[in-house]
Amino acid sequence: MIKKILLVDDSALSRRLMKKALRQIANLQIIEVSDSLVVLETFLHESPDLILLDLTMEGINGLELLAKIKELNPNQKVIIASADIQKATIEEAMQKGAFGYITKPFNEAEIIQKVESALK
């Protein structure tokens, strides 16, 4: 069964690096979004199994998006992918319902492990 992942990051380089790791996982469909203003629309239209969400984007920041996504679907799994390694930010993301937190620069093994865990 193919699983859908919504990959949300305004950095083309970050999306490319994330996709490189994700391609090692079988049966994934990756839907990319670079504009924070269309994330909710894409989320509602695509109904992804998992969202990989950057925190720092123009428009709506990732924590706001996380809160809105969880409001729309409390069971939606979201992994935050961010360069922000402040403990308070990580704790806030987890309190708002994030399934996990991956720090940039990305570690492929960590991405694969957390994504596979979320998709079980």
PDB file of N, CA and C in Angstrom:
ATOM      1  N   MET A   1       0.837  -1.184   0.000  1.00  0.00           N
ATOM      2  CA  MET A   1       0.000   0.000   0.000  1.00  0.00           C
ATOM      3  C   MET A   1       0.884   1.251   0.000  1.00  0.00           C
ATOM      4  N   ILE A   2       0.589   2.174  -0.882  1.00  0.00           N
ATOM      5  CA  ILE A   2       1.382   3.399  -0.991  1.00  0.00           C
ATOM      6  C   ILE A   2       0.961   4.387   0.090  1.00  0.00           C
ATOM      7  N   LYS A   3       1.954   4.952   0.759  1.00  0.00           N
ATOM      8  CA  LYS A   3       1.723   5.958   1.802  1.00  0.00           C
ATOM      9  C   LYS A   3       2.059   7.328   1.235  1.00  0.00           C
ATOM     10  N   LYS A   4       1.240   8.316   1.587  1.00  0.00           N
ATOM     11  CA  LYS A   4       1.466   9.692   1.133  1.00  0.00           C
ATOM     12  C   LYS A   4       2.175  10.493   2.211  1.00  0.00           C
ATOM     13  N   ILE A   5       3.224  11.193   1.784  1.00  0.00           N
ATOM     14  CA  ILE A   5       3.926  12.108   2.680  1.00  0.00           C
ATOM     15  C   ILE A   5       3.838  13.502   2.089  1.00  0.00           C
ATOM     16  N   LEU A   6       3.395  14.433   2.906  1.00  0.00           N
ATOM     17  CA  LEU A   6       3.371  15.843   2.524  1.00  0.00           C
ATOM     18  C   LEU A   6       4.642  16.475   3.076  1.00  0.00           C
ATOM     19  N   LEU A   7       5.522  16.893   2.186  1.00  0.00           N
ATOM     20  CA  LEU A   7       6.817  17.474   2.543  1.00  0.00           C
ATOM     21  C   LEU A   7       6.715  18.984   2.397  1.00  0.00           C
ATOM     22  N   VAL A   8       6.780  19.687   3.531  1.00  0.00           N
ATOM     23  CA  VAL A   8       6.566  21.132   3.556  1.00  0.00           C
ATOM     24  C   VAL A   8       7.845  21.837   3.986  1.00  0.00           C
ATOM     25  N   ASP A   9       8.468  22.543   3.048  1.00  0.00           N
ATOM     26  CA  ASP A   9       9.676  23.314   3.345  1.00  0.00           C
ATOM     27  C   ASP A   9       9.852  24.335   2.235  1.00  0.00           C
ATOM     28  N   ASP A  10      10.164  25.580   2.611  1.00  0.00           N
ATOM     29  CA  ASP A  10      10.344  26.606   1.585  1.00  0.00           C
ATOM     30  C   ASP A  10      11.734  26.564   0.960  1.00  0.00           C
ATOM     31  N   SER A  11      12.608  25.704   1.461  1.00  0.00           N
ATOM     32  CA  SER A  11      13.954  25.563   0.909  1.00  0.00           C
ATOM     33  C   SER A  11      14.003  24.384  -0.064  1.00  0.00           C
ATOM     34  N   ALA A  12      14.322  24.676  -1.321  1.00  0.00           N
ATOM     35  CA  ALA A  12      14.429  23.616  -2.327  1.00  0.00           C
ATOM     36  C   ALA A  12      15.527  22.628  -1.950  1.00  0.00           C
ATOM     37  N   LEU A  13      16.630  23.123  -1.388  1.00  0.00           N
ATOM     38  CA  LEU A  13      17.728  22.250  -0.979  1.00  0.00           C
ATOM     39  C   LEU A  13      17.273  21.294   0.127  1.00  0.00           C
ATOM     40  N   SER A  14      16.580  21.808   1.113  1.00  0.00           N
ATOM     41  CA  SER A  14      16.090  20.948   2.201  1.00  0.00           C
ATOM     42  C   SER A  14      15.133  19.884   1.672  1.00  0.00           C
ATOM     43  N   ARG A  15      14.240  20.276   0.773  1.00  0.00           N
ATOM     44  CA  ARG A  15      13.309  19.297   0.192  1.00  0.00           C
ATOM     45  C   ARG A  15      14.063  18.231  -0.591  1.00  0.00           C
ATOM     46  N   ARG A  16      15.069  18.646  -1.337  1.00  0.00           N
ATOM     47  CA  ARG A  16      15.854  17.697  -2.132  1.00  0.00           C
ATOM     48  C   ARG A  16      16.574  16.693  -1.221  1.00  0.00           C
ATOM     49  N   LEU A  17      17.183  17.182  -0.127  1.00  0.00           N
ATOM     50  CA  LEU A  17      17.891  16.295   0.799  1.00  0.00           C
ATOM     51  C   LEU A  17      16.923  15.343   1.503  1.00  0.00           C
ATOM     52  N   MET A  18      15.771  15.852   1.867  1.00  0.00           N
ATOM     53  CA  MET A  18      14.769  15.020   2.529  1.00  0.00           C
ATOM     54  C   MET A  18      14.268  13.942   1.566  1.00  0.00           C
ATOM     55  N   LYS A  19      14.000  14.321   0.315  1.00  0.00           N
ATOM     56  CA  LYS A  19      13.519  13.349  -0.679  1.00  0.00           C
ATOM     57  C   LYS A  19      14.546  12.253  -0.919  1.00  0.00           C
ATOM     58  N   LYS A  20      15.823  12.621  -0.908  1.00  0.00           N
ATOM     59  CA  LYS A  20      16.888  11.634  -1.111  1.00  0.00           C
ATOM     60  C   LYS A  20      16.789  10.535  -0.054  1.00  0.00           C
ATOM     61  N   ALA A  21      16.568  10.922   1.184  1.00  0.00           N
ATOM     62  CA  ALA A  21      16.422   9.933   2.258  1.00  0.00           C
ATOM     63  C   ALA A  21      15.113   9.158   2.110  1.00  0.00           C
ATOM     64  N   LEU A  22      14.037   9.862   1.806  1.00  0.00           N
ATOM     65  CA  LEU A  22      12.720   9.220   1.720  1.00  0.00           C
ATOM     66  C   LEU A  22      12.638   8.196   0.593  1.00  0.00           C
ATOM     67  N   ARG A  23      13.399   8.388  -0.458  1.00  0.00           N
ATOM     68  CA  ARG A  23      13.372   7.447  -1.590  1.00  0.00           C
ATOM     69  C   ARG A  23      13.879   6.059  -1.195  1.00  0.00           C
ATOM     70  N   GLN A  24      14.550   5.976  -0.043  1.00  0.00           N
ATOM     71  CA  GLN A  24      15.041   4.678   0.432  1.00  0.00           C
ATOM     72  C   GLN A  24      13.931   3.863   1.098  1.00  0.00           C
ATOM     73  N   ILE A  25      12.783   4.486   1.304  1.00  0.00           N
ATOM     74  CA  ILE A  25      11.636   3.808   1.904  1.00  0.00           C
ATOM     75  C   ILE A  25      10.677   3.423   0.777  1.00  0.00           C
ATOM     76  N   ALA A  26      10.281   2.168   0.758  1.00  0.00           N
ATOM     77  CA  ALA A  26       9.414   1.676  -0.320  1.00  0.00           C
ATOM     78  C   ALA A  26       7.993   2.217  -0.197  1.00  0.00           C
ATOM     79  N   ASN A  27       7.343   2.310  -1.335  1.00  0.00           N
ATOM     80  CA  ASN A  27       5.912   2.625  -1.420  1.00  0.00           C
ATOM     81  C   ASN A  27       5.522   3.973  -0.829  1.00  0.00           C
ATOM     82  N   LEU A  28       6.287   4.997  -1.155  1.00  0.00           N
ATOM     83  CA  LEU A  28       5.962   6.351  -0.713  1.00  0.00           C
ATOM     84  C   LEU A  28       5.612   7.223  -1.901  1.00  0.00           C
ATOM     85  N   GLN A  29       4.602   8.039  -1.722  1.00  0.00           N
ATOM     86  CA  GLN A  29       4.300   9.109  -2.670  1.00  0.00           C
ATOM     87  C   GLN A  29       4.613  10.403  -1.933  1.00  0.00           C
ATOM     88  N   ILE A  30       5.516  11.204  -2.486  1.00  0.00           N
ATOM     89  CA  ILE A  30       5.933  12.443  -1.837  1.00  0.00           C
ATOM     90  C   ILE A  30       5.274  13.618  -2.544  1.00  0.00           C
ATOM     91  N   ILE A  31       4.548  14.408  -1.771  1.00  0.00           N
ATOM     92  CA  ILE A  31       3.895  15.607  -2.284  1.00  0.00           C
ATOM     93  C   ILE A  31       4.627  16.791  -1.672  1.00  0.00           C
ATOM     94  N   GLU A  32       5.187  17.641  -2.516  1.00  0.00           N
ATOM     95  CA  GLU A  32       5.979  18.773  -2.028  1.00  0.00           C
ATOM     96  C   GLU A  32       5.173  20.062  -2.018  1.00  0.00           C
ATOM     97  N   VAL A  33       5.375  20.846  -0.952  1.00  0.00           N
ATOM     98  CA  VAL A  33       4.785  22.173  -0.853  1.00  0.00           C
ATOM     99  C   VAL A  33       5.875  23.116  -0.356  1.00  0.00           C
ATOM    100  N   SER A  34       6.068  24.216  -1.078  1.00  0.00           N
ATOM    101  CA  SER A  34       7.082  25.191  -0.678  1.00  0.00           C
ATOM    102  C   SER A  34       6.470  26.464  -0.108  1.00  0.00           C
ATOM    103  N   ASP A  35       5.178  26.637  -0.270  1.00  0.00           N
ATOM    104  CA  ASP A  35       4.488  27.853   0.165  1.00  0.00           C
ATOM    105  C   ASP A  35       3.593  27.534   1.360  1.00  0.00           C
ATOM    106  N   SER A  36       3.907  28.139   2.499  1.00  0.00           N
ATOM    107  CA  SER A  36       3.145  27.846   3.718  1.00  0.00           C
ATOM    108  C   SER A  36       1.664  28.194   3.582  1.00  0.00           C
ATOM    109  N   LEU A  37       1.343  29.095   2.676  1.00  0.00           N
ATOM    110  CA  LEU A  37      -0.044  29.537   2.527  1.00  0.00           C
ATOM    111  C   LEU A  37      -0.938  28.510   1.831  1.00  0.00           C
ATOM    112  N   VAL A  38      -0.346  27.500   1.194  1.00  0.00           N
ATOM    113  CA  VAL A  38      -1.161  26.464   0.535  1.00  0.00           C
ATOM    114  C   VAL A  38      -1.095  25.114   1.255  1.00  0.00           C
ATOM    115  N   VAL A  39      -0.417  25.072   2.392  1.00  0.00           N
ATOM    116  CA  VAL A  39      -0.261  23.808   3.116  1.00  0.00           C
ATOM    117  C   VAL A  39      -1.607  23.229   3.546  1.00  0.00           C
ATOM    118  N   LEU A  40      -2.442  24.040   4.166  1.00  0.00           N
ATOM    119  CA  LEU A  40      -3.718  23.515   4.673  1.00  0.00           C
ATOM    120  C   LEU A  40      -4.614  23.012   3.548  1.00  0.00           C
ATOM    121  N   GLU A  41      -4.645  23.751   2.450  1.00  0.00           N
ATOM    122  CA  GLU A  41      -5.440  23.327   1.290  1.00  0.00           C
ATOM    123  C   GLU A  41      -4.928  21.987   0.757  1.00  0.00           C
ATOM    124  N   THR A  42      -3.608  21.864   0.636  1.00  0.00           N
ATOM    125  CA  THR A  42      -3.017  20.619   0.135  1.00  0.00           C
ATOM    126  C   THR A  42      -3.281  19.476   1.115  1.00  0.00           C
ATOM    127  N   PHE A  43      -3.145  19.755   2.398  1.00  0.00           N
ATOM    128  CA  PHE A  43      -3.412  18.760   3.441  1.00  0.00           C
ATOM    129  C   PHE A  43      -4.840  18.227   3.321  1.00  0.00           C
ATOM    130  N   LEU A  44      -5.802  19.116   3.191  1.00  0.00           N
ATOM    131  CA  LEU A  44      -7.202  18.699   3.100  1.00  0.00           C
ATOM    132  C   LEU A  44      -7.487  17.937   1.812  1.00  0.00           C
ATOM    133  N   HIS A  45      -6.845  18.338   0.723  1.00  0.00           N
ATOM    134  CA  HIS A  45      -7.071  17.701  -0.580  1.00  0.00           C
ATOM    135  C   HIS A  45      -6.401  16.331  -0.669  1.00  0.00           C
ATOM    136  N   GLU A  46      -5.186  16.204  -0.136  1.00  0.00           N
ATOM    137  CA  GLU A  46      -4.395  14.982  -0.310  1.00  0.00           C
ATOM    138  C   GLU A  46      -4.558  13.952   0.807  1.00  0.00           C
ATOM    139  N   SER A  47      -4.970  14.377   1.998  1.00  0.00           N
ATOM    140  CA  SER A  47      -5.084  13.476   3.161  1.00  0.00           C
ATOM    141  C   SER A  47      -3.832  12.611   3.337  1.00  0.00           C
ATOM    142  N   PRO A  48      -2.683  13.240   3.591  1.00  0.00           N
ATOM    143  CA  PRO A  48      -1.439  12.469   3.698  1.00  0.00           C
ATOM    144  C   PRO A  48      -1.406  11.592   4.950  1.00  0.00           C
ATOM    145  N   ASP A  49      -0.609  10.534   4.876  1.00  0.00           N
ATOM    146  CA  ASP A  49      -0.404   9.669   6.041  1.00  0.00           C
ATOM    147  C   ASP A  49       0.533  10.335   7.041  1.00  0.00           C
ATOM    148  N   LEU A  50       1.419  11.192   6.531  1.00  0.00           N
ATOM    149  CA  LEU A  50       2.414  11.854   7.368  1.00  0.00           C
ATOM    150  C   LEU A  50       2.762  13.198   6.753  1.00  0.00           C
ATOM    151  N   ILE A  51       3.024  14.172   7.619  1.00  0.00           N
ATOM    152  CA  ILE A  51       3.490  15.486   7.168  1.00  0.00           C
ATOM    153  C   ILE A  51       4.866  15.730   7.761  1.00  0.00           C
ATOM    154  N   LEU A  52       5.812  16.115   6.913  1.00  0.00           N
ATOM    155  CA  LEU A  52       7.130  16.578   7.356  1.00  0.00           C
ATOM    156  C   LEU A  52       7.102  18.083   7.198  1.00  0.00           C
ATOM    157  N   LEU A  53       7.226  18.805   8.304  1.00  0.00           N
ATOM    158  CA  LEU A  53       6.924  20.229   8.334  1.00  0.00           C
ATOM    159  C   LEU A  53       8.089  21.055   8.856  1.00  0.00           C
ATOM    160  N   ASP A  54       8.553  21.994   8.040  1.00  0.00           N
ATOM    161  CA  ASP A  54       9.572  22.957   8.465  1.00  0.00           C
ATOM    162  C   ASP A  54       8.911  23.970   9.395  1.00  0.00           C
ATOM    163  N   LEU A  55       9.692  24.527  10.318  1.00  0.00           N
ATOM    164  CA  LEU A  55       9.137  25.526  11.236  1.00  0.00           C
ATOM    165  C   LEU A  55       9.255  26.940  10.708  1.00  0.00           C
ATOM    166  N   THR A  56      10.393  27.259  10.100  1.00  0.00           N
ATOM    167  CA  THR A  56      10.679  28.641   9.727  1.00  0.00           C
ATOM    168  C   THR A  56      10.395  28.862   8.251  1.00  0.00           C
ATOM    169  N   MET A  57       9.221  29.428   7.980  1.00  0.00           N
ATOM    170  CA  MET A  57       8.827  29.716   6.605  1.00  0.00           C
ATOM    171  C   MET A  57       8.160  31.080   6.566  1.00  0.00           C
ATOM    172  N   GLU A  58       8.173  31.692   5.389  1.00  0.00           N
ATOM    173  CA  GLU A  58       7.446  32.950   5.222  1.00  0.00           C
ATOM    174  C   GLU A  58       5.954  32.651   5.230  1.00  0.00           C
ATOM    175  N   GLY A  59       5.181  33.638   5.618  1.00  0.00           N
ATOM    176  CA  GLY A  59       3.732  33.439   5.669  1.00  0.00           C
ATOM    177  C   GLY A  59       3.334  32.915   7.030  1.00  0.00           C
ATOM    178  N   ILE A  60       2.954  31.651   7.080  1.00  0.00           N
ATOM    179  CA  ILE A  60       2.544  31.020   8.338  1.00  0.00           C
ATOM    180  C   ILE A  60       3.703  30.157   8.830  1.00  0.00           C
ATOM    181  N   ASN A  61       4.092  30.322  10.107  1.00  0.00           N
ATOM    182  CA  ASN A  61       5.204  29.497  10.587  1.00  0.00           C
ATOM    183  C   ASN A  61       4.723  28.080  10.903  1.00  0.00           C
ATOM    184  N   GLY A  62       5.674  27.192  11.035  1.00  0.00           N
ATOM    185  CA  GLY A  62       5.368  25.778  11.209  1.00  0.00           C
ATOM    186  C   GLY A  62       4.571  25.444  12.455  1.00  0.00           C
ATOM    187  N   LEU A  63       4.836  26.152  13.561  1.00  0.00           N
ATOM    188  CA  LEU A  63       4.087  25.870  14.788  1.00  0.00           C
ATOM    189  C   LEU A  63       2.615  26.248  14.635  1.00  0.00           C
ATOM    190  N   GLU A  64       2.353  27.354  13.936  1.00  0.00           N
ATOM    191  CA  GLU A  64       0.961  27.737  13.668  1.00  0.00           C
ATOM    192  C   GLU A  64       0.286  26.698  12.774  1.00  0.00           C
ATOM    193  N   LEU A  65       1.010  26.261  11.745  1.00  0.00           N
ATOM    194  CA  LEU A  65       0.460  25.238  10.846  1.00  0.00           C
ATOM    195  C   LEU A  65       0.192  23.943  11.599  1.00  0.00           C
ATOM    196  N   LEU A  66       1.125  23.555  12.462  1.00  0.00           N
ATOM    197  CA  LEU A  66       0.946  22.339  13.250  1.00  0.00           C
ATOM    198  C   LEU A  66      -0.342  22.417  14.064  1.00  0.00           C
ATOM    199  N   ALA A  67      -0.557  23.542  14.729  1.00  0.00           N
ATOM    200  CA  ALA A  67      -1.767  23.716  15.545  1.00  0.00           C
ATOM    201  C   ALA A  67      -3.029  23.622  14.686  1.00  0.00           C
ATOM    202  N   LYS A  68      -3.010  24.245  13.500  1.00  0.00           N
ATOM    203  CA  LYS A  68      -4.185  24.215  12.622  1.00  0.00           C
ATOM    204  C   LYS A  68      -4.436  22.814  12.071  1.00  0.00           C
ATOM    205  N   ILE A  69      -3.359  22.128  11.714  1.00  0.00           N
ATOM    206  CA  ILE A  69      -3.491  20.757  11.199  1.00  0.00           C
ATOM    207  C   ILE A  69      -4.092  19.852  12.271  1.00  0.00           C
ATOM    208  N   LYS A  70      -3.586  19.958  13.496  1.00  0.00           N
ATOM    209  CA  LYS A  70      -4.083  19.116  14.592  1.00  0.00           C
ATOM    210  C   LYS A  70      -5.529  19.468  14.958  1.00  0.00           C
ATOM    211  N   GLU A  71      -5.898  20.732  14.744  1.00  0.00           N
ATOM    212  CA  GLU A  71      -7.284  21.148  14.974  1.00  0.00           C
ATOM    213  C   GLU A  71      -8.206  20.480  13.946  1.00  0.00           C
ATOM    214  N   LEU A  72      -7.738  20.420  12.696  1.00  0.00           N
ATOM    215  CA  LEU A  72      -8.525  19.803  11.628  1.00  0.00           C
ATOM    216  C   LEU A  72      -8.559  18.282  11.743  1.00  0.00           C
ATOM    217  N   ASN A  73      -7.442  17.694  12.164  1.00  0.00           N
ATOM    218  CA  ASN A  73      -7.352  16.241  12.316  1.00  0.00           C
ATOM    219  C   ASN A  73      -6.415  15.919  13.477  1.00  0.00           C
ATOM    220  N   PRO A  74      -6.960  15.724  14.671  1.00  0.00           N
ATOM    221  CA  PRO A  74      -6.126  15.461  15.847  1.00  0.00           C
ATOM    222  C   PRO A  74      -5.233  14.225  15.713  1.00  0.00           C
ATOM    223  N   ASN A  75      -5.589  13.298  14.821  1.00  0.00           N
ATOM    224  CA  ASN A  75      -4.806  12.073  14.649  1.00  0.00           C
ATOM    225  C   ASN A  75      -3.716  12.183  13.587  1.00  0.00           C
ATOM    226  N   GLN A  76      -3.634  13.319  12.897  1.00  0.00           N
ATOM    227  CA  GLN A  76      -2.641  13.487  11.836  1.00  0.00           C
ATOM    228  C   GLN A  76      -1.232  13.433  12.422  1.00  0.00           C
ATOM    229  N   LYS A  77      -0.385  12.599  11.831  1.00  0.00           N
ATOM    230  CA  LYS A  77       1.009  12.517  12.279  1.00  0.00           C
ATOM    231  C   LYS A  77       1.825  13.578  11.552  1.00  0.00           C
ATOM    232  N   VAL A  78       2.570  14.356  12.348  1.00  0.00           N
ATOM    233  CA  VAL A  78       3.404  15.435  11.822  1.00  0.00           C
ATOM    234  C   VAL A  78       4.779  15.322  12.464  1.00  0.00           C
ATOM    235  N   ILE A  79       5.806  15.295  11.635  1.00  0.00           N
ATOM    236  CA  ILE A  79       7.178  15.354  12.125  1.00  0.00           C
ATOM    237  C   ILE A  79       7.729  16.714  11.743  1.00  0.00           C
ATOM    238  N   ILE A  80       8.255  17.417  12.727  1.00  0.00           N
ATOM    239  CA  ILE A  80       8.871  18.719  12.484  1.00  0.00           C
ATOM    240  C   ILE A  80      10.296  18.495  12.005  1.00  0.00           C
ATOM    241  N   ALA A  81      10.696  19.232  10.979  1.00  0.00           N
ATOM    242  CA  ALA A  81      12.063  19.189  10.454  1.00  0.00           C
ATOM    243  C   ALA A  81      12.580  20.621  10.458  1.00  0.00           C
ATOM    244  N   SER A  82      13.518  20.913  11.360  1.00  0.00           N
ATOM    245  CA  SER A  82      13.925  22.307  11.522  1.00  0.00           C
ATOM    246  C   SER A  82      15.371  22.434  11.972  1.00  0.00           C
ATOM    247  N   ALA A  83      15.965  23.586  11.655  1.00  0.00           N
ATOM    248  CA  ALA A  83      17.307  23.905  12.138  1.00  0.00           C
ATOM    249  C   ALA A  83      17.257  24.453  13.560  1.00  0.00           C
ATOM    250  N   ASP A  84      16.073  24.764  14.043  1.00  0.00           N
ATOM    251  CA  ASP A  84      15.902  25.308  15.394  1.00  0.00           C
ATOM    252  C   ASP A  84      16.072  24.176  16.407  1.00  0.00           C
ATOM    253  N   ILE A  85      17.155  24.235  17.170  1.00  0.00           N
ATOM    254  CA  ILE A  85      17.428  23.168  18.134  1.00  0.00           C
ATOM    255  C   ILE A  85      17.199  23.621  19.578  1.00  0.00           C
ATOM    256  N   GLN A  86      16.531  24.759  19.744  1.00  0.00           N
ATOM    257  CA  GLN A  86      16.250  25.238  21.093  1.00  0.00           C
ATOM    258  C   GLN A  86      15.274  24.289  21.782  1.00  0.00           C
ATOM    259  N   LYS A  87      15.603  23.940  23.007  1.00  0.00           N
ATOM    260  CA  LYS A  87      14.780  23.000  23.764  1.00  0.00           C
ATOM    261  C   LYS A  87      13.333  23.485  23.876  1.00  0.00           C
ATOM    262  N   ALA A  88      13.145  24.783  24.096  1.00  0.00           N
ATOM    263  CA  ALA A  88      11.791  25.330  24.249  1.00  0.00           C
ATOM    264  C   ALA A  88      10.970  25.147  22.973  1.00  0.00           C
ATOM    265  N   THR A  89      11.600  25.324  21.815  1.00  0.00           N
ATOM    266  CA  THR A  89      10.895  25.156  20.537  1.00  0.00           C
ATOM    267  C   THR A  89      10.497  23.699  20.334  1.00  0.00           C
ATOM    268  N   ILE A  90      11.428  22.803  20.612  1.00  0.00           N
ATOM    269  CA  ILE A  90      11.145  21.371  20.464  1.00  0.00           C
ATOM    270  C   ILE A  90      10.009  20.961  21.400  1.00  0.00           C
ATOM    271  N   GLU A  91      10.070  21.435  22.652  1.00  0.00           N
ATOM    272  CA  GLU A  91       9.015  21.110  23.619  1.00  0.00           C
ATOM    273  C   GLU A  91       7.664  21.663  23.174  1.00  0.00           C
ATOM    274  N   GLU A  92       7.660  22.888  22.638  1.00  0.00           N
ATOM    275  CA  GLU A  92       6.404  23.477  22.169  1.00  0.00           C
ATOM    276  C   GLU A  92       5.810  22.658  21.026  1.00  0.00           C
ATOM    277  N   ALA A  93       6.669  22.242  20.097  1.00  0.00           N
ATOM    278  CA  ALA A  93       6.193  21.429  18.969  1.00  0.00           C
ATOM    279  C   ALA A  93       5.595  20.115  19.466  1.00  0.00           C
ATOM    280  N   MET A  94       6.256  19.488  20.417  1.00  0.00           N
ATOM    281  CA  MET A  94       5.754  18.217  20.935  1.00  0.00           C
ATOM    282  C   MET A  94       4.443  18.425  21.710  1.00  0.00           C
ATOM    283  N   GLN A  95       4.350  19.527  22.454  1.00  0.00           N
ATOM    284  CA  GLN A  95       3.114  19.827  23.189  1.00  0.00           C
ATOM    285  C   GLN A  95       1.947  20.086  22.239  1.00  0.00           C
ATOM    286  N   LYS A  96       2.250  20.645  21.066  1.00  0.00           N
ATOM    287  CA  LYS A  96       1.199  20.931  20.085  1.00  0.00           C
ATOM    288  C   LYS A  96       0.832  19.699  19.265  1.00  0.00           C
ATOM    289  N   GLY A  97       1.485  18.575  19.555  1.00  0.00           N
ATOM    290  CA  GLY A  97       1.074  17.326  18.923  1.00  0.00           C
ATOM    291  C   GLY A  97       2.004  16.748  17.882  1.00  0.00           C
ATOM    292  N   ALA A  98       3.224  17.276  17.754  1.00  0.00           N
ATOM    293  CA  ALA A  98       4.166  16.698  16.789  1.00  0.00           C
ATOM    294  C   ALA A  98       4.492  15.264  17.189  1.00  0.00           C
ATOM    295  N   PHE A  99       4.615  14.400  16.204  1.00  0.00           N
ATOM    296  CA  PHE A  99       4.974  12.999  16.434  1.00  0.00           C
ATOM    297  C   PHE A  99       6.465  12.874  16.714  1.00  0.00           C
ATOM    298  N   GLY A 100       7.245  13.768  16.095  1.00  0.00           N
ATOM    299  CA  GLY A 100       8.694  13.733  16.255  1.00  0.00           C
ATOM    300  C   GLY A 100       9.314  15.029  15.779  1.00  0.00           C
ATOM    301  N   TYR A 101      10.629  15.124  15.941  1.00  0.00           N
ATOM    302  CA  TYR A 101      11.364  16.343  15.602  1.00  0.00           C
ATOM    303  C   TYR A 101      12.701  15.924  15.012  1.00  0.00           C
ATOM    304  N   ILE A 102      12.982  16.376  13.805  1.00  0.00           N
ATOM    305  CA  ILE A 102      14.249  16.089  13.132  1.00  0.00           C
ATOM    306  C   ILE A 102      14.985  17.410  12.961  1.00  0.00           C
ATOM    307  N   THR A 103      16.258  17.435  13.343  1.00  0.00           N
ATOM    308  CA  THR A 103      17.013  18.683  13.221  1.00  0.00           C
ATOM    309  C   THR A 103      17.831  18.709  11.934  1.00  0.00           C
ATOM    310  N   LYS A 104      17.950  19.919  11.388  1.00  0.00           N
ATOM    311  CA  LYS A 104      18.807  20.155  10.231  1.00  0.00           C
ATOM    312  C   LYS A 104      20.186  20.530  10.757  1.00  0.00           C
ATOM    313  N   PRO A 105      21.267  20.167  10.096  1.00  0.00           N
ATOM    314  CA  PRO A 105      21.298  19.405   8.844  1.00  0.00           C
ATOM    315  C   PRO A 105      20.789  17.978   9.064  1.00  0.00           C
ATOM    316  N   PHE A 106      20.132  17.458   8.035  1.00  0.00           N
ATOM    317  CA  PHE A 106      19.475  16.171   8.139  1.00  0.00           C
ATOM    318  C   PHE A 106      20.452  15.011   8.230  1.00  0.00           C
ATOM    319  N   ASN A 107      20.052  14.011   9.001  1.00  0.00           N
ATOM    320  CA  ASN A 107      20.749  12.742   9.096  1.00  0.00           C
ATOM    321  C   ASN A 107      19.814  11.720   8.446  1.00  0.00           C
ATOM    322  N   GLU A 108      20.238  11.129   7.337  1.00  0.00           N
ATOM    323  CA  GLU A 108      19.355  10.222   6.587  1.00  0.00           C
ATOM    324  C   GLU A 108      18.808   9.082   7.435  1.00  0.00           C
ATOM    325  N   ALA A 109      19.660   8.489   8.257  1.00  0.00           N
ATOM    326  CA  ALA A 109      19.222   7.361   9.088  1.00  0.00           C
ATOM    327  C   ALA A 109      18.124   7.798  10.053  1.00  0.00           C
ATOM    328  N   GLU A 110      18.254   8.994  10.615  1.00  0.00           N
ATOM    329  CA  GLU A 110      17.241   9.505  11.544  1.00  0.00           C
ATOM    330  C   GLU A 110      15.917   9.753  10.816  1.00  0.00           C
ATOM    331  N   ILE A 111      16.006  10.324   9.613  1.00  0.00           N
ATOM    332  CA  ILE A 111      14.795  10.567   8.822  1.00  0.00           C
ATOM    333  C   ILE A 111      14.072   9.251   8.559  1.00  0.00           C
ATOM    334  N   ILE A 112      14.806   8.279   8.064  1.00  0.00           N
ATOM    335  CA  ILE A 112      14.217   6.982   7.723  1.00  0.00           C
ATOM    336  C   ILE A 112      13.582   6.335   8.954  1.00  0.00           C
ATOM    337  N   GLN A 113      14.305   6.344  10.072  1.00  0.00           N
ATOM    338  CA  GLN A 113      13.802   5.717  11.303  1.00  0.00           C
ATOM    339  C   GLN A 113      12.517   6.382  11.778  1.00  0.00           C
ATOM    340  N   LYS A 114      12.502   7.719  11.816  1.00  0.00           N
ATOM    341  CA  LYS A 114      11.326   8.430  12.334  1.00  0.00           C
ATOM    342  C   LYS A 114      10.132   8.313  11.384  1.00  0.00           C
ATOM    343  N   VAL A 115      10.392   8.375  10.089  1.00  0.00           N
ATOM    344  CA  VAL A 115       9.298   8.251   9.117  1.00  0.00           C
ATOM    345  C   VAL A 115       8.710   6.840   9.155  1.00  0.00           C
ATOM    346  N   GLU A 116       9.564   5.828   9.162  1.00  0.00           N
ATOM    347  CA  GLU A 116       9.060   4.452   9.220  1.00  0.00           C
ATOM    348  C   GLU A 116       8.260   4.218  10.502  1.00  0.00           C
ATOM    349  N   SER A 117       8.733   4.765  11.609  1.00  0.00           N
ATOM    350  CA  SER A 117       8.020   4.639  12.882  1.00  0.00           C
ATOM    351  C   SER A 117       6.644   5.310  12.807  1.00  0.00           C
ATOM    352  N   ALA A 118       6.590   6.483  12.204  1.00  0.00           N
ATOM    353  CA  ALA A 118       5.327   7.219  12.094  1.00  0.00           C
ATOM    354  C   ALA A 118       4.332   6.513  11.176  1.00  0.00           C
ATOM    355  N   LEU A 119       4.827   5.819  10.176  1.00  0.00           N
ATOM    356  CA  LEU A 119       3.948   5.178   9.196  1.00  0.00           C
ATOM    357  C   LEU A 119       3.454   3.800   9.626  1.00  0.00           C
ATOM    358  N   LYS A 120       3.920   3.297  10.757  1.00  0.00           N
ATOM    359  CA  LYS A 120       3.482   1.973  11.237  1.00  0.00           C
ATOM    360  C   LYS A 120       2.069   2.022  11.754  1.00  0.00           C
TER     361      LYS A 120
END
